[in-house]
Amino acid sequence: MTADYPPTDWPFHEASSIVPVSPHRWHVQDFGTGQDALFLHGAGASAHSWHRIVPFLQSRLRMIVPDLPGHGFTRSPRGRARLPDVARDLGALLDHLGATPRIIVGHSAGGAIALEMVRLGIAKPDRVVVVNGALENFRGPASWLFPIMARVMALNPLTGFLLSSGSPSQVRSLIGATGTELDDEALALYQRLIKRRSHVDGTMAMMAQWSLDELSRSLGQIQCPTLFVHGEDDQAVSVAVAERAARAMPHAKLHVLSDVGHIAQEEAPEAVAREILTFAEPAAAD
């Protein structure tokens, strides 16, 4: 395998494909049957961050799970990573795939992308689910670990470990600082990601161009029913962020998961999946 294709032991390698849609060479995983559903990971992660939720959803949903521009195994040019650009380029990818997602699920910065796609009319899902959404400036430990990178850190609680050498102890410590406890298997996947220079560069390029100002001002205009699922123990993005966003939106509600941190879909996959199914398709969760 080339460096731009997931290794054979990568989660759900068999569901991977490379999809060239200018200006990106996307890595996309596609599995399951049912209504189309787009899953967007957070900055510093990759499609793999959804792999523990797949067994609970793939019999109900067709899960379309790309690596975001510059992340994981998606190869992207520099200079096209602003929030509206990412939203539009994902729209072009969906058109190429012939997919019309009825639900969009976004984690952390992926939640902002999901809402931006709806705001711009790029996607018109029936429902949006935002998991631990990073919709305001990051206020966790990274804000003082790397003050000079404060703007880059604003949305991404995992950027701190991207700047480290990626030793197992550092990865565990920095993910732990977000309120999330992952097992060795999960931590090893993040460690492998951050050893990819293209992934680190892509993450930094995206966050350096990131701005939430327009989206924040427009939350009240987003009519799509939205569920915020947020880990109570999230030390990177406070539950208060989700509370404010839910209040600002006309058709939004919040569900808080007890004893769960920032990467909720890996820490409590069954609980997150249940919330997604209950919200997207109530009969499916019965």
Protein backbone atom coordinates (compact mmCIF):
# COMPACT_ATOMS: atom_id res chain seq x y z
CA MET A 1 0.00 0.00 0.00
CA THR A 2 1.11 3.57 -0.63
CA ALA A 3 1.45 6.12 2.15
CA ASP A 4 -1.75 7.73 0.87
CA TYR A 5 -3.88 4.63 1.43
CA PRO A 6 -4.78 3.15 4.83
CA PRO A 7 -2.68 0.16 5.89
CA THR A 8 -4.40 -3.21 5.85
CA ASP A 9 -4.79 -3.22 9.63
CA TRP A 10 -6.51 0.20 9.72
CA PRO A 11 -10.07 0.03 11.10
CA PHE A 12 -12.51 -1.03 8.38
CA HIS A 13 -9.80 -0.99 5.74
CA GLU A 14 -12.07 -3.04 3.47
CA ALA A 15 -14.58 -0.16 3.37
CA SER A 16 -11.97 2.36 2.19
CA SER A 17 -11.68 3.91 -1.23
CA ILE A 18 -9.83 6.85 -2.75
CA VAL A 19 -12.16 9.31 -4.47
CA PRO A 20 -10.56 12.12 -6.50
CA VAL A 21 -12.84 15.16 -6.50
CA SER A 22 -10.92 18.35 -7.21
CA PRO A 23 -9.10 19.81 -5.40
CA HIS A 24 -8.82 16.83 -3.04
CA ARG A 25 -7.96 13.17 -3.24
CA TRP A 26 -10.42 11.95 -0.63
CA HIS A 27 -10.15 8.88 1.53
CA VAL A 28 -13.73 7.73 2.16
CA GLN A 29 -15.14 4.80 4.08
CA ASP A 30 -18.62 3.61 3.11
CA PHE A 31 -20.50 0.93 4.98
CA GLY A 32 -23.97 -0.12 6.04
CA THR A 33 -27.43 0.00 4.53
CA GLY A 34 -30.31 2.38 4.96
CA GLN A 35 -30.69 6.11 4.57
CA ASP A 36 -27.55 8.05 3.66
CA ALA A 37 -25.73 9.48 6.67
CA LEU A 38 -22.59 11.62 6.59
CA PHE A 39 -20.17 11.37 9.52
CA LEU A 40 -17.56 14.10 10.03
CA HIS A 41 -14.69 13.66 12.45
CA GLY A 42 -12.97 16.40 14.41
CA ALA A 43 -9.75 18.24 13.66
CA GLY A 44 -6.68 16.15 14.38
CA ALA A 45 -8.57 12.88 13.97
CA SER A 46 -9.68 10.86 10.94
CA ALA A 47 -12.56 8.65 9.82
CA HIS A 48 -11.27 6.02 12.21
CA SER A 49 -12.70 7.97 15.16
CA TRP A 50 -16.14 6.57 14.23
CA HIS A 51 -15.07 2.94 13.97
CA ARG A 52 -16.41 1.87 17.37
CA ILE A 53 -19.85 3.20 16.57
CA VAL A 54 -20.16 1.37 13.25
CA PRO A 55 -21.44 -1.96 14.63
CA PHE A 56 -24.37 -0.17 16.28
CA LEU A 57 -25.40 1.80 13.18
CA GLN A 58 -24.49 -0.04 10.00
CA SER A 59 -27.68 -2.09 9.88
CA ARG A 60 -29.74 1.12 9.95
CA LEU A 61 -27.67 3.66 8.06
CA ARG A 62 -25.42 3.90 5.05
CA MET A 63 -22.47 5.53 6.77
CA ILE A 64 -20.36 7.79 4.53
CA VAL A 65 -17.23 8.64 6.49
CA PRO A 66 -14.50 10.76 4.83
CA ASP A 67 -11.18 11.91 6.14
CA LEU A 68 -11.44 15.70 6.20
CA PRO A 69 -9.17 17.74 3.89
CA GLY A 70 -5.53 17.21 4.76
CA HIS A 71 -6.40 14.69 7.47
CA GLY A 72 -5.66 11.00 7.67
CA PHE A 73 -5.34 9.68 4.14
CA THR A 74 -7.04 12.54 2.28
CA ARG A 75 -4.52 14.47 0.22
CA SER A 76 -5.31 18.16 -0.17
CA PRO A 77 -3.70 21.37 -1.38
CA ARG A 78 -2.81 24.08 1.08
CA GLY A 79 -4.87 27.24 1.17
CA ARG A 80 -8.34 25.73 0.93
CA ALA A 81 -9.31 24.88 4.47
CA ARG A 82 -11.63 27.67 5.58
CA LEU A 83 -14.89 26.45 7.09
CA PRO A 84 -17.04 27.43 4.05
CA ASP A 85 -14.50 25.84 1.69
CA VAL A 86 -14.53 22.55 3.58
CA ALA A 87 -18.33 22.58 3.56
CA ARG A 88 -18.51 23.24 -0.18
CA ASP A 89 -15.87 20.62 -1.01
CA LEU A 90 -17.74 18.03 1.02
CA GLY A 91 -20.83 18.94 -0.96
CA ALA A 92 -18.94 18.24 -4.19
CA LEU A 93 -17.81 14.90 -2.78
CA LEU A 94 -21.40 13.95 -1.93
CA ASP A 95 -22.53 14.90 -5.44
CA HIS A 96 -19.79 12.71 -6.90
CA LEU A 97 -20.88 9.80 -4.71
CA GLY A 98 -24.52 10.32 -5.58
CA ALA A 99 -25.28 10.59 -1.87
CA THR A 100 -28.02 12.65 -0.25
CA PRO A 101 -27.53 12.44 3.50
CA ARG A 102 -30.73 12.54 5.51
CA ILE A 103 -28.65 12.91 8.64
CA ILE A 104 -25.26 14.53 9.23
CA VAL A 105 -23.30 13.67 12.36
CA GLY A 106 -20.28 15.76 13.30
CA HIS A 107 -17.84 15.44 16.17
CA SER A 108 -16.03 18.46 17.63
CA ALA A 109 -14.98 20.67 14.68
CA GLY A 110 -16.92 18.26 12.45
CA GLY A 111 -20.04 19.51 14.18
CA ALA A 112 -19.26 23.04 13.03
CA ILE A 113 -18.78 21.75 9.48
CA ALA A 114 -22.12 19.94 9.59
CA LEU A 115 -23.94 23.09 10.65
CA GLU A 116 -22.06 25.15 8.06
CA MET A 117 -23.18 22.78 5.29
CA VAL A 118 -26.78 23.33 6.39
CA ARG A 119 -26.32 27.09 6.80
CA LEU A 120 -25.02 27.44 3.24
CA GLY A 121 -27.67 25.14 1.77
CA ILE A 122 -25.00 22.70 0.60
CA ALA A 123 -26.83 19.87 2.32
CA LYS A 124 -30.46 19.62 3.36
CA PRO A 125 -30.64 16.79 5.86
CA ASP A 126 -33.65 15.96 7.97
CA ARG A 127 -31.52 15.96 11.12
CA VAL A 128 -28.11 17.04 12.39
CA VAL A 129 -26.35 15.50 15.39
CA VAL A 130 -23.43 17.38 16.93
CA VAL A 131 -21.26 15.31 19.27
CA ASN A 132 -19.19 17.41 21.67
CA GLY A 133 -19.34 20.23 19.18
CA ALA A 134 -16.47 22.71 19.12
CA LEU A 135 -18.54 25.77 18.29
CA GLU A 136 -16.63 28.31 20.37
CA ASN A 137 -13.00 29.00 21.14
CA PHE A 138 -11.24 26.18 22.91
CA ARG A 139 -10.71 26.91 26.61
CA GLY A 140 -9.06 23.73 27.83
CA PRO A 141 -5.47 22.95 28.92
CA ALA A 142 -4.01 23.58 25.47
CA SER A 143 -4.81 27.28 25.78
CA TRP A 144 -1.82 27.65 28.09
CA LEU A 145 0.36 24.77 26.87
CA PHE A 146 1.08 26.52 23.58
CA PRO A 147 0.03 30.19 23.88
CA ILE A 148 1.65 31.13 20.59
CA MET A 149 -0.65 28.62 18.85
CA ALA A 150 -3.77 29.91 20.60
CA ARG A 151 -5.67 30.53 17.38
CA VAL A 152 -4.86 27.06 16.08
CA MET A 153 -5.90 25.59 19.41
CA ALA A 154 -9.21 27.45 19.39
CA LEU A 155 -11.27 24.55 18.03
CA ASN A 156 -9.08 21.53 18.46
CA PRO A 157 -8.42 19.89 21.79
CA LEU A 158 -6.20 17.31 20.10
CA THR A 159 -3.80 19.75 18.46
CA GLY A 160 -1.62 19.67 21.57
CA PHE A 161 -0.61 16.10 20.94
CA LEU A 162 -0.06 16.87 17.26
CA LEU A 163 2.70 19.20 18.39
CA SER A 164 4.31 16.54 20.58
CA SER A 165 6.68 13.79 19.52
CA GLY A 166 3.81 11.36 19.78
CA SER A 167 5.14 8.99 22.42
CA PRO A 168 2.50 6.71 23.97
CA SER A 169 2.69 8.53 27.31
CA GLN A 170 2.29 11.94 25.67
CA VAL A 171 -0.66 10.81 23.59
CA ARG A 172 -2.34 9.32 26.66
CA SER A 173 -1.68 12.44 28.73
CA LEU A 174 -2.91 14.92 26.16
CA ILE A 175 -6.05 12.98 25.23
CA GLY A 176 -6.66 12.48 28.93
CA ALA A 177 -6.54 16.26 29.34
CA THR A 178 -9.73 16.46 27.24
CA GLY A 179 -11.55 14.36 29.82
CA THR A 180 -11.42 11.23 27.66
CA GLU A 181 -9.94 7.92 28.70
CA LEU A 182 -9.15 5.63 25.76
CA ASP A 183 -7.68 2.15 25.82
CA ASP A 184 -4.29 1.27 24.36
CA GLU A 185 -5.76 0.14 21.04
CA ALA A 186 -7.51 3.46 20.47
CA LEU A 187 -4.52 5.50 21.58
CA ALA A 188 -2.24 3.58 19.20
CA LEU A 189 -4.36 4.70 16.23
CA TYR A 190 -3.94 8.36 17.17
CA GLN A 191 -0.25 7.81 17.69
CA ARG A 192 0.05 6.35 14.18
CA LEU A 193 -1.86 9.30 12.74
CA ILE A 194 0.40 11.92 14.25
CA LYS A 195 3.48 10.27 12.85
CA ARG A 196 2.14 11.21 9.40
CA ARG A 197 3.61 14.61 8.58
CA SER A 198 0.92 15.25 5.97
CA HIS A 199 -1.77 14.73 8.61
CA VAL A 200 -0.14 17.16 11.02
CA ASP A 201 0.40 19.74 8.29
CA GLY A 202 -3.18 19.34 7.06
CA THR A 203 -4.60 19.76 10.54
CA MET A 204 -2.55 22.88 11.21
CA ALA A 205 -3.44 24.37 7.83
CA MET A 206 -7.12 23.84 8.50
CA MET A 207 -7.10 25.28 11.99
CA ALA A 208 -4.97 28.28 10.99
CA GLN A 209 -7.73 29.30 8.54
CA TRP A 210 -10.62 28.48 10.86
CA SER A 211 -13.23 31.04 11.84
CA LEU A 212 -16.57 30.45 13.52
CA ASP A 213 -17.78 34.04 13.50
CA GLU A 214 -20.29 33.82 10.66
CA LEU A 215 -21.64 30.44 11.78
CA SER A 216 -22.04 31.66 15.37
CA ARG A 217 -23.99 34.70 14.23
CA SER A 218 -26.24 32.51 12.08
CA LEU A 219 -27.16 29.69 14.46
CA GLY A 220 -30.59 31.20 15.06
CA GLN A 221 -31.35 30.95 11.34
CA ILE A 222 -30.65 27.22 11.05
CA GLN A 223 -34.04 25.53 10.95
CA CYS A 224 -32.87 21.91 10.69
CA PRO A 225 -33.71 19.91 13.83
CA THR A 226 -30.43 19.41 15.68
CA LEU A 227 -29.41 17.24 18.60
CA PHE A 228 -26.37 18.15 20.67
CA VAL A 229 -24.85 15.14 22.43
CA HIS A 230 -22.17 16.20 24.88
CA GLY A 231 -19.98 14.39 27.38
CA GLU A 232 -20.41 15.78 30.87
CA ASP A 233 -16.70 15.36 31.63
CA ASP A 234 -15.45 17.12 28.48
CA GLN A 235 -12.49 19.22 29.60
CA ALA A 236 -11.88 20.66 26.12
CA VAL A 237 -15.32 21.94 25.14
CA SER A 238 -17.58 22.75 28.04
CA VAL A 239 -21.16 21.51 28.12
CA ALA A 240 -22.05 25.20 28.36
CA VAL A 241 -21.01 25.58 24.70
CA ALA A 242 -23.66 23.08 23.66
CA GLU A 243 -26.20 24.69 25.99
CA ARG A 244 -25.68 28.10 24.38
CA ALA A 245 -25.86 26.70 20.85
CA ALA A 246 -29.02 24.73 21.60
CA ARG A 247 -30.68 27.84 23.06
CA ALA A 248 -29.71 29.88 20.01
CA MET A 249 -31.23 27.46 17.50
CA PRO A 250 -34.99 27.24 17.00
CA HIS A 251 -35.20 23.44 16.76
CA ALA A 252 -32.35 22.11 18.86
CA LYS A 253 -32.04 20.08 22.02
CA LEU A 254 -29.23 18.79 24.21
CA HIS A 255 -28.53 15.39 25.71
CA VAL A 256 -25.68 15.16 28.22
CA LEU A 257 -23.82 11.87 28.72
CA SER A 258 -22.65 11.28 32.27
CA ASP A 259 -19.08 10.14 32.93
CA VAL A 260 -18.05 10.74 29.30
CA GLY A 261 -15.37 13.09 27.98
CA HIS A 262 -14.65 14.80 24.68
CA ILE A 263 -14.33 11.85 22.28
CA ALA A 264 -17.72 10.48 23.22
CA GLN A 265 -18.20 8.26 20.17
CA GLU A 266 -15.12 6.25 21.11
CA GLU A 267 -15.62 6.35 24.86
CA ALA A 268 -19.34 5.49 24.85
CA PRO A 269 -20.16 4.31 21.31
CA GLU A 270 -23.33 2.42 22.17
CA ALA A 271 -24.82 5.39 24.04
CA VAL A 272 -23.97 7.84 21.24
CA ALA A 273 -25.36 5.46 18.61
CA ARG A 274 -28.59 5.11 20.56
CA GLU A 275 -29.01 8.90 20.66
CA ILE A 276 -28.35 9.16 16.93
CA LEU A 277 -30.89 6.47 16.06
CA THR A 278 -33.52 7.74 18.46
CA PHE A 279 -33.24 11.24 17.03
CA ALA A 280 -32.89 10.29 13.36
CA GLU A 281 -35.31 7.44 13.20
CA PRO A 282 -37.26 6.86 16.40
CA ALA A 283 -38.72 3.53 15.30
CA ALA A 284 -35.25 2.17 14.59
CA ALA A 285 -34.24 2.38 18.23
CA ASP A 286 -37.26 0.48 19.56
